[in-house]
């Protein structure tokens, strides 16, 4: 009976692990809260008004598929967003709603914003505390106008340091997928079911 209970618990842990998704790690920031003023431009059409945000690093709690969607900008420069070391790129030339996606493992999500107005270009990478303080924030969106996203990231380029975080705005969605690492747990659980059944037959 104990083995049966353990098997059920293992099966439950598989389900709960796959229900996880994304989180924001703020541990490297003394004060991660951001007050946002003068948020305007095209992003308002997708997010509505924004007055606050959070500094941090985007973390995938489990493996899955992540999608970044361009929601608009206010800058008038050629800022860009890159996923996976620049292999997939969105720029201000893209149409609102264009997106890039990738299958990712757990851990720090590999993306960056690039301010191409500076010379040389300035990169603001996820997890790089030295640049992200003035680079981007996770926006507090309470009443999205368009499609709701799990997270909204607002980029603040270095052109005038106005801290409005609307110079390039991205929506983030994530779908966890069953990971191969969960298969041994499932096999163990099924093995315990089988072992319990065989002992009852003897």
C-alpha atoms as a PDB file:
ATOM      1  CA  UNK A   1       0.000   0.000   0.000  1.00  0.00           C
ATOM      2  CA  UNK A   2       2.881   2.356   0.817  1.00  0.00           C
ATOM      3  CA  UNK A   3       4.404   1.684  -2.598  1.00  0.00           C
ATOM      4  CA  UNK A   4       1.102   2.501  -4.266  1.00  0.00           C
ATOM      5  CA  UNK A   5       0.914   5.819  -2.381  1.00  0.00           C
ATOM      6  CA  UNK A   6       4.512   6.622  -3.411  1.00  0.00           C
ATOM      7  CA  UNK A   7       3.700   5.874  -7.043  1.00  0.00           C
ATOM      8  CA  UNK A   8       0.691   8.173  -6.949  1.00  0.00           C
ATOM      9  CA  UNK A   9       2.815  10.905  -5.359  1.00  0.00           C
ATOM     10  CA  UNK A  10       5.447  10.551  -8.085  1.00  0.00           C
ATOM     11  CA  UNK A  11       2.810  10.785 -10.796  1.00  0.00           C
ATOM     12  CA  UNK A  12       1.454  13.922  -9.125  1.00  0.00           C
ATOM     13  CA  UNK A  13       4.907  15.497  -9.004  1.00  0.00           C
ATOM     14  CA  UNK A  14       5.271  15.009 -12.749  1.00  0.00           C
ATOM     15  CA  UNK A  15       2.058  16.931 -13.370  1.00  0.00           C
ATOM     16  CA  UNK A  16       2.975  19.757 -11.018  1.00  0.00           C
ATOM     17  CA  UNK A  17       6.443  20.173 -12.556  1.00  0.00           C
ATOM     18  CA  UNK A  18       4.961  20.517 -16.035  1.00  0.00           C
ATOM     19  CA  UNK A  19       2.437  23.100 -14.799  1.00  0.00           C
ATOM     20  CA  UNK A  20       5.255  25.520 -13.956  1.00  0.00           C
ATOM     21  CA  UNK A  21       6.413  28.133 -16.450  1.00  0.00           C
ATOM     22  CA  UNK A  22       8.301  31.404 -16.278  1.00  0.00           C
ATOM     23  CA  UNK A  23       9.437  33.509 -13.346  1.00  0.00           C
ATOM     24  CA  UNK A  24      11.367  36.734 -12.765  1.00  0.00           C
ATOM     25  CA  UNK A  25      14.493  36.556 -10.607  1.00  0.00           C
ATOM     26  CA  UNK A  26      14.932  39.909  -8.812  1.00  0.00           C
ATOM     27  CA  UNK A  27      17.611  38.735  -6.368  1.00  0.00           C
ATOM     28  CA  UNK A  28      20.420  40.764  -7.992  1.00  0.00           C
ATOM     29  CA  UNK A  29      18.565  44.054  -7.520  1.00  0.00           C
ATOM     30  CA  UNK A  30      18.494  45.977  -4.237  1.00  0.00           C
ATOM     31  CA  UNK A  31      15.266  47.696  -5.297  1.00  0.00           C
ATOM     32  CA  UNK A  32      13.671  46.015  -8.340  1.00  0.00           C
ATOM     33  CA  UNK A  33      10.569  48.242  -8.386  1.00  0.00           C
ATOM     34  CA  UNK A  34      10.399  50.744 -11.262  1.00  0.00           C
ATOM     35  CA  UNK A  35       8.153  53.801 -11.535  1.00  0.00           C
ATOM     36  CA  UNK A  36       7.359  54.525 -15.184  1.00  0.00           C
ATOM     37  CA  UNK A  37       6.351  57.918 -16.525  1.00  0.00           C
ATOM     38  CA  UNK A  38       5.537  59.131 -20.063  1.00  0.00           C
ATOM     39  CA  UNK A  39       4.672  55.650 -21.340  1.00  0.00           C
ATOM     40  CA  UNK A  40       3.050  56.251 -24.733  1.00  0.00           C
ATOM     41  CA  UNK A  41       3.391  55.455 -28.424  1.00  0.00           C
ATOM     42  CA  UNK A  42       2.239  52.281 -30.168  1.00  0.00           C
ATOM     43  CA  UNK A  43       2.638  49.992 -27.142  1.00  0.00           C
ATOM     44  CA  UNK A  44      -0.403  51.618 -25.500  1.00  0.00           C
ATOM     45  CA  UNK A  45      -2.564  49.997 -28.177  1.00  0.00           C
ATOM     46  CA  UNK A  46      -1.533  46.554 -26.845  1.00  0.00           C
ATOM     47  CA  UNK A  47      -0.877  47.168 -23.167  1.00  0.00           C
ATOM     48  CA  UNK A  48      -2.916  50.156 -22.093  1.00  0.00           C
ATOM     49  CA  UNK A  49      -1.371  52.633 -19.652  1.00  0.00           C
ATOM     50  CA  UNK A  50       1.677  51.447 -17.705  1.00  0.00           C
ATOM     51  CA  UNK A  51       3.027  53.187 -14.599  1.00  0.00           C
ATOM     52  CA  UNK A  52       5.156  50.497 -12.925  1.00  0.00           C
ATOM     53  CA  UNK A  53       7.494  47.634 -13.622  1.00  0.00           C
ATOM     54  CA  UNK A  54      10.088  45.282 -12.163  1.00  0.00           C
ATOM     55  CA  UNK A  55      13.787  44.820 -12.862  1.00  0.00           C
ATOM     56  CA  UNK A  56      14.955  41.235 -13.039  1.00  0.00           C
ATOM     57  CA  UNK A  57      15.978  38.274 -15.155  1.00  0.00           C
ATOM     58  CA  UNK A  58      13.510  36.040 -16.989  1.00  0.00           C
ATOM     59  CA  UNK A  59      13.880  32.394 -15.954  1.00  0.00           C
ATOM     60  CA  UNK A  60      12.282  29.292 -17.450  1.00  0.00           C
ATOM     61  CA  UNK A  61      11.348  27.000 -14.571  1.00  0.00           C
ATOM     62  CA  UNK A  62      10.975  24.027 -16.923  1.00  0.00           C
ATOM     63  CA  UNK A  63      11.646  23.245 -20.574  1.00  0.00           C
ATOM     64  CA  UNK A  64       9.115  24.516 -23.081  1.00  0.00           C
ATOM     65  CA  UNK A  65       8.389  26.725 -26.062  1.00  0.00           C
ATOM     66  CA  UNK A  66       8.742  30.470 -25.643  1.00  0.00           C
ATOM     67  CA  UNK A  67       7.310  33.118 -27.955  1.00  0.00           C
ATOM     68  CA  UNK A  68       8.223  36.815 -28.036  1.00  0.00           C
ATOM     69  CA  UNK A  69       5.812  39.146 -29.838  1.00  0.00           C
ATOM     70  CA  UNK A  70       6.489  42.723 -30.944  1.00  0.00           C
ATOM     71  CA  UNK A  71       3.822  45.015 -29.438  1.00  0.00           C
ATOM     72  CA  UNK A  72       4.982  48.440 -30.605  1.00  0.00           C
ATOM     73  CA  UNK A  73       7.466  51.206 -29.867  1.00  0.00           C
ATOM     74  CA  UNK A  74       7.825  54.894 -29.213  1.00  0.00           C
ATOM     75  CA  UNK A  75      11.498  55.494 -29.980  1.00  0.00           C
ATOM     76  CA  UNK A  76      11.731  56.217 -33.697  1.00  0.00           C
ATOM     77  CA  UNK A  77      15.123  54.419 -33.757  1.00  0.00           C
ATOM     78  CA  UNK A  78      16.059  50.990 -35.060  1.00  0.00           C
ATOM     79  CA  UNK A  79      16.087  49.146 -31.731  1.00  0.00           C
ATOM     80  CA  UNK A  80      15.962  45.386 -32.009  1.00  0.00           C
ATOM     81  CA  UNK A  81      15.222  42.284 -29.990  1.00  0.00           C
ATOM     82  CA  UNK A  82      17.233  39.086 -30.440  1.00  0.00           C
ATOM     83  CA  UNK A  83      16.554  35.548 -29.265  1.00  0.00           C
ATOM     84  CA  UNK A  84      19.212  32.854 -29.039  1.00  0.00           C
ATOM     85  CA  UNK A  85      22.364  34.900 -29.649  1.00  0.00           C
ATOM     86  CA  UNK A  86      20.866  36.882 -32.507  1.00  0.00           C
ATOM     87  CA  UNK A  87      19.628  33.946 -34.588  1.00  0.00           C
ATOM     88  CA  UNK A  88      16.043  35.246 -34.441  1.00  0.00           C
ATOM     89  CA  UNK A  89      15.579  39.004 -34.554  1.00  0.00           C
ATOM     90  CA  UNK A  90      12.704  41.480 -34.351  1.00  0.00           C
ATOM     91  CA  UNK A  91      13.266  45.133 -35.276  1.00  0.00           C
ATOM     92  CA  UNK A  92      11.116  48.253 -35.416  1.00  0.00           C
ATOM     93  CA  UNK A  93      10.635  47.465 -39.112  1.00  0.00           C
ATOM     94  CA  UNK A  94       8.532  44.444 -38.105  1.00  0.00           C
ATOM     95  CA  UNK A  95       4.776  44.698 -37.934  1.00  0.00           C
ATOM     96  CA  UNK A  96       3.052  44.745 -34.565  1.00  0.00           C
ATOM     97  CA  UNK A  97       2.140  41.153 -33.762  1.00  0.00           C
ATOM     98  CA  UNK A  98       5.195  39.624 -35.482  1.00  0.00           C
ATOM     99  CA  UNK A  99       6.919  37.071 -33.270  1.00  0.00           C
ATOM    100  CA  UNK A 100       9.876  34.736 -32.823  1.00  0.00           C
ATOM    101  CA  UNK A 101       9.744  31.394 -30.993  1.00  0.00           C
ATOM    102  CA  UNK A 102      12.127  28.719 -29.761  1.00  0.00           C
ATOM    103  CA  UNK A 103      12.180  25.527 -27.732  1.00  0.00           C
ATOM    104  CA  UNK A 104      14.226  26.167 -24.602  1.00  0.00           C
ATOM    105  CA  UNK A 105      15.475  24.294 -21.570  1.00  0.00           C
ATOM    106  CA  UNK A 106      15.098  25.465 -18.028  1.00  0.00           C
ATOM    107  CA  UNK A 107      17.237  28.307 -16.679  1.00  0.00           C
ATOM    108  CA  UNK A 108      18.069  31.831 -17.820  1.00  0.00           C
ATOM    109  CA  UNK A 109      16.278  32.697 -21.072  1.00  0.00           C
ATOM    110  CA  UNK A 110      18.778  33.832 -23.711  1.00  0.00           C
ATOM    111  CA  UNK A 111      17.600  37.127 -25.190  1.00  0.00           C
ATOM    112  CA  UNK A 112      18.777  40.704 -25.547  1.00  0.00           C
ATOM    113  CA  UNK A 113      17.681  44.121 -26.698  1.00  0.00           C
ATOM    114  CA  UNK A 114      20.043  46.191 -28.845  1.00  0.00           C
ATOM    115  CA  UNK A 115      20.126  49.975 -29.087  1.00  0.00           C
ATOM    116  CA  UNK A 116      21.461  50.631 -32.603  1.00  0.00           C
ATOM    117  CA  UNK A 117      21.359  54.417 -32.161  1.00  0.00           C
ATOM    118  CA  UNK A 118      24.574  54.295 -30.131  1.00  0.00           C
ATOM    119  CA  UNK A 119      27.955  53.808 -31.756  1.00  0.00           C
ATOM    120  CA  UNK A 120      28.898  51.046 -31.297  1.00  0.00           C
ATOM    121  CA  UNK A 121      25.555  49.298 -30.698  1.00  0.00           C
ATOM    122  CA  UNK A 122      24.683  48.753 -27.040  1.00  0.00           C
ATOM    123  CA  UNK A 123      23.341  45.350 -25.967  1.00  0.00           C
ATOM    124  CA  UNK A 124      21.090  44.828 -22.934  1.00  0.00           C
ATOM    125  CA  UNK A 125      21.114  41.110 -22.191  1.00  0.00           C
ATOM    126  CA  UNK A 126      18.757  39.201 -19.935  1.00  0.00           C
ATOM    127  CA  UNK A 127      20.560  38.514 -16.659  1.00  0.00           C
ATOM    128  CA  UNK A 128      23.265  41.156 -17.176  1.00  0.00           C
ATOM    129  CA  UNK A 129      22.732  43.423 -14.183  1.00  0.00           C
ATOM    130  CA  UNK A 130      25.341  45.937 -15.379  1.00  0.00           C
ATOM    131  CA  UNK A 131      23.210  46.991 -18.349  1.00  0.00           C
ATOM    132  CA  UNK A 132      19.650  45.982 -17.550  1.00  0.00           C
ATOM    133  CA  UNK A 133      19.111  48.620 -14.829  1.00  0.00           C
ATOM    134  CA  UNK A 134      18.527  51.196 -17.564  1.00  0.00           C
ATOM    135  CA  UNK A 135      17.799  48.656 -20.286  1.00  0.00           C
ATOM    136  CA  UNK A 136      14.489  46.898 -19.778  1.00  0.00           C
ATOM    137  CA  UNK A 137      11.817  46.166 -17.189  1.00  0.00           C
ATOM    138  CA  UNK A 138       8.967  43.699 -16.842  1.00  0.00           C
ATOM    139  CA  UNK A 139       5.926  45.936 -17.118  1.00  0.00           C
ATOM    140  CA  UNK A 140       2.992  45.799 -14.717  1.00  0.00           C
ATOM    141  CA  UNK A 141       0.056  45.508 -17.120  1.00  0.00           C
ATOM    142  CA  UNK A 142      -3.277  45.308 -15.334  1.00  0.00           C
ATOM    143  CA  UNK A 143      -5.732  45.736 -18.207  1.00  0.00           C
ATOM    144  CA  UNK A 144      -4.196  44.688 -21.538  1.00  0.00           C
ATOM    145  CA  UNK A 145      -5.971  46.058 -24.597  1.00  0.00           C
ATOM    146  CA  UNK A 146      -5.007  43.261 -26.995  1.00  0.00           C
ATOM    147  CA  UNK A 147      -4.033  39.628 -26.504  1.00  0.00           C
ATOM    148  CA  UNK A 148      -2.947  39.027 -22.897  1.00  0.00           C
ATOM    149  CA  UNK A 149       0.626  37.846 -22.422  1.00  0.00           C
ATOM    150  CA  UNK A 150       2.285  36.190 -19.449  1.00  0.00           C
ATOM    151  CA  UNK A 151       4.904  38.953 -19.308  1.00  0.00           C
ATOM    152  CA  UNK A 152       5.434  42.307 -21.001  1.00  0.00           C
ATOM    153  CA  UNK A 153       8.992  43.597 -21.409  1.00  0.00           C
ATOM    154  CA  UNK A 154       9.551  47.298 -22.012  1.00  0.00           C
ATOM    155  CA  UNK A 155      12.916  48.427 -23.407  1.00  0.00           C
ATOM    156  CA  UNK A 156      14.337  51.836 -22.538  1.00  0.00           C
ATOM    157  CA  UNK A 157      17.037  52.799 -25.035  1.00  0.00           C
ATOM    158  CA  UNK A 158      19.974  55.006 -24.137  1.00  0.00           C
ATOM    159  CA  UNK A 159      19.029  57.894 -26.423  1.00  0.00           C
ATOM    160  CA  UNK A 160      17.705  60.228 -23.721  1.00  0.00           C
ATOM    161  CA  UNK A 161      17.421  58.002 -20.589  1.00  0.00           C
ATOM    162  CA  UNK A 162      13.826  59.096 -20.015  1.00  0.00           C
ATOM    163  CA  UNK A 163      12.943  55.801 -18.256  1.00  0.00           C
ATOM    164  CA  UNK A 164       9.599  55.427 -20.001  1.00  0.00           C
ATOM    165  CA  UNK A 165      10.263  51.788 -21.000  1.00  0.00           C
ATOM    166  CA  UNK A 166       8.181  52.091 -24.162  1.00  0.00           C
ATOM    167  CA  UNK A 167      10.959  52.353 -26.764  1.00  0.00           C
ATOM    168  CA  UNK A 168      10.419  48.720 -27.797  1.00  0.00           C
ATOM    169  CA  UNK A 169       7.823  46.505 -26.115  1.00  0.00           C
ATOM    170  CA  UNK A 170       7.648  42.706 -26.262  1.00  0.00           C
ATOM    171  CA  UNK A 171       4.943  40.281 -25.093  1.00  0.00           C
ATOM    172  CA  UNK A 172       6.043  36.886 -23.770  1.00  0.00           C
ATOM    173  CA  UNK A 173       4.146  33.595 -23.755  1.00  0.00           C
ATOM    174  CA  UNK A 174       5.456  30.213 -22.673  1.00  0.00           C
ATOM    175  CA  UNK A 175       4.105  26.679 -23.041  1.00  0.00           C
ATOM    176  CA  UNK A 176       5.750  24.025 -20.866  1.00  0.00           C
ATOM    177  CA  UNK A 177       6.319  20.688 -22.601  1.00  0.00           C
ATOM    178  CA  UNK A 178       6.836  17.247 -21.078  1.00  0.00           C
ATOM    179  CA  UNK A 179      10.580  17.008 -20.557  1.00  0.00           C
ATOM    180  CA  UNK A 180      12.638  13.801 -21.023  1.00  0.00           C
ATOM    181  CA  UNK A 181      13.838  14.117 -17.424  1.00  0.00           C
ATOM    182  CA  UNK A 182      10.278  13.384 -16.274  1.00  0.00           C
ATOM    183  CA  UNK A 183      10.241  10.006 -18.030  1.00  0.00           C
ATOM    184  CA  UNK A 184      12.339   8.184 -15.380  1.00  0.00           C
ATOM    185  CA  UNK A 185       9.895   9.395 -12.730  1.00  0.00           C
ATOM    186  CA  UNK A 186       7.005   8.068 -14.764  1.00  0.00           C
ATOM    187  CA  UNK A 187       8.801   4.747 -15.323  1.00  0.00           C
ATOM    188  CA  UNK A 188       9.477   4.471 -11.585  1.00  0.00           C
ATOM    189  CA  UNK A 189       5.846   5.168 -10.784  1.00  0.00           C
ATOM    190  CA  UNK A 190       4.617   2.610 -13.300  1.00  0.00           C
ATOM    191  CA  UNK A 191       7.196   0.102 -12.034  1.00  0.00           C
ATOM    192  CA  UNK A 192       5.904   0.496  -8.487  1.00  0.00           C
ATOM    193  CA  UNK A 193       2.352  -0.089  -9.732  1.00  0.00           C
ATOM    194  CA  UNK A 194       3.543  -3.271 -11.493  1.00  0.00           C
ATOM    195  CA  UNK A 195       5.565  -4.435  -8.496  1.00  0.00           C
ATOM    196  CA  UNK A 196       2.586  -3.960  -6.196  1.00  0.00           C
ATOM    197  CA  UNK A 197       0.313  -5.889  -8.572  1.00  0.00           C
ATOM    198  CA  UNK A 198       2.773  -8.801  -8.931  1.00  0.00           C
ATOM    199  CA  UNK A 199       3.138  -9.156  -5.144  1.00  0.00           C
ATOM    200  CA  UNK A 200      -0.625  -9.373  -4.752  1.00  0.00           C
ATOM    201  CA  UNK A 201      -0.760 -12.259  -7.259  1.00  0.00           C
ATOM    202  CA  UNK A 202       1.849 -14.356  -5.369  1.00  0.00           C
END
